[in-house]
Amino acid sequence: MDPDSRSDDFIRVVEAVRKKEGNQLLTDDDLIILAAEEISRTFTHEEKNYSV
């Protein structure tokens, strides 16, 4: 399985969970998916070239 396919699958799952927000009670798995999606969009200080 190629990484792009897995990335597309993850995006589809996140979108499905986001559609549930405000309408249905989110499960623990849904919350983990949302947390993983948030983490996937963050950067380290090194990646942003911030001085320490």
C-alpha atoms as a PDB file:
ATOM      1  CA  MET A   1       0.000   0.000   0.000  1.00  0.00           C
ATOM      2  CA  ASP A   2       1.475   3.343  -0.960  1.00  0.00           C
ATOM      3  CA  PRO A   3       1.647   6.278   1.499  1.00  0.00           C
ATOM      4  CA  ASP A   4      -0.609   8.505  -0.621  1.00  0.00           C
ATOM      5  CA  SER A   5      -3.384   5.936  -0.464  1.00  0.00           C
ATOM      6  CA  ARG A   6      -3.098   5.715   3.332  1.00  0.00           C
ATOM      7  CA  SER A   7      -3.106   9.491   3.563  1.00  0.00           C
ATOM      8  CA  ASP A   8      -6.258   9.692   1.437  1.00  0.00           C
ATOM      9  CA  ASP A   9      -7.916   7.025   3.603  1.00  0.00           C
ATOM     10  CA  PHE A  10      -7.030   8.961   6.751  1.00  0.00           C
ATOM     11  CA  ILE A  11      -8.440  12.184   5.301  1.00  0.00           C
ATOM     12  CA  ARG A  12     -11.710  10.417   4.434  1.00  0.00           C
ATOM     13  CA  VAL A  13     -11.998   9.020   7.967  1.00  0.00           C
ATOM     14  CA  VAL A  14     -11.340  12.451   9.492  1.00  0.00           C
ATOM     15  CA  GLU A  15     -13.986  14.025   7.251  1.00  0.00           C
ATOM     16  CA  ALA A  16     -16.517  11.373   8.313  1.00  0.00           C
ATOM     17  CA  VAL A  17     -15.804  12.068  11.987  1.00  0.00           C
ATOM     18  CA  ARG A  18     -16.053  15.840  11.447  1.00  0.00           C
ATOM     19  CA  LYS A  19     -19.533  15.340   9.939  1.00  0.00           C
ATOM     20  CA  LYS A  20     -20.576  13.655  13.200  1.00  0.00           C
ATOM     21  CA  GLU A  21     -19.466  16.642  15.300  1.00  0.00           C
ATOM     22  CA  GLY A  22     -22.449  18.462  16.745  1.00  0.00           C
ATOM     23  CA  ASN A  23     -24.883  15.779  15.600  1.00  0.00           C
ATOM     24  CA  GLN A  24     -23.763  12.568  17.273  1.00  0.00           C
ATOM     25  CA  LEU A  25     -21.856  11.603  20.378  1.00  0.00           C
ATOM     26  CA  LEU A  26     -18.234  10.998  19.405  1.00  0.00           C
ATOM     27  CA  THR A  27     -16.632   7.739  20.470  1.00  0.00           C
ATOM     28  CA  ASP A  28     -13.195   7.390  22.020  1.00  0.00           C
ATOM     29  CA  ASP A  29     -11.909   6.265  18.614  1.00  0.00           C
ATOM     30  CA  ASP A  30     -13.386   9.378  16.979  1.00  0.00           C
ATOM     31  CA  LEU A  31     -11.576  11.577  19.494  1.00  0.00           C
ATOM     32  CA  ILE A  32      -8.304   9.748  18.880  1.00  0.00           C
ATOM     33  CA  ILE A  33      -8.732  10.254  15.123  1.00  0.00           C
ATOM     34  CA  LEU A  34      -9.301  13.987  15.626  1.00  0.00           C
ATOM     35  CA  ALA A  35      -6.270  14.227  17.918  1.00  0.00           C
ATOM     36  CA  ALA A  36      -4.114  12.358  15.398  1.00  0.00           C
ATOM     37  CA  GLU A  37      -5.280  14.692  12.645  1.00  0.00           C
ATOM     38  CA  GLU A  38      -4.386  17.726  14.754  1.00  0.00           C
ATOM     39  CA  ILE A  39      -0.959  16.290  15.598  1.00  0.00           C
ATOM     40  CA  SER A  40      -0.311  15.520  11.928  1.00  0.00           C
ATOM     41  CA  ARG A  41      -0.614  19.238  11.133  1.00  0.00           C
ATOM     42  CA  THR A  42       1.831  20.456  13.798  1.00  0.00           C
ATOM     43  CA  PHE A  43       5.516  21.204  13.395  1.00  0.00           C
ATOM     44  CA  THR A  44       8.471  20.955  15.730  1.00  0.00           C
ATOM     45  CA  HIS A  45      10.629  23.949  16.604  1.00  0.00           C
ATOM     46  CA  GLU A  46      13.375  22.424  14.464  1.00  0.00           C
ATOM     47  CA  GLU A  47      11.076  22.103  11.434  1.00  0.00           C
ATOM     48  CA  LYS A  48      10.068  25.763  11.774  1.00  0.00           C
ATOM     49  CA  ASN A  49      13.712  26.811  12.367  1.00  0.00           C
ATOM     50  CA  TYR A  50      12.868  28.522  15.660  1.00  0.00           C
ATOM     51  CA  SER A  51      15.805  29.305  17.891  1.00  0.00           C
ATOM     52  CA  VAL A  52      15.785  27.609  21.261  1.00  0.00           C
END
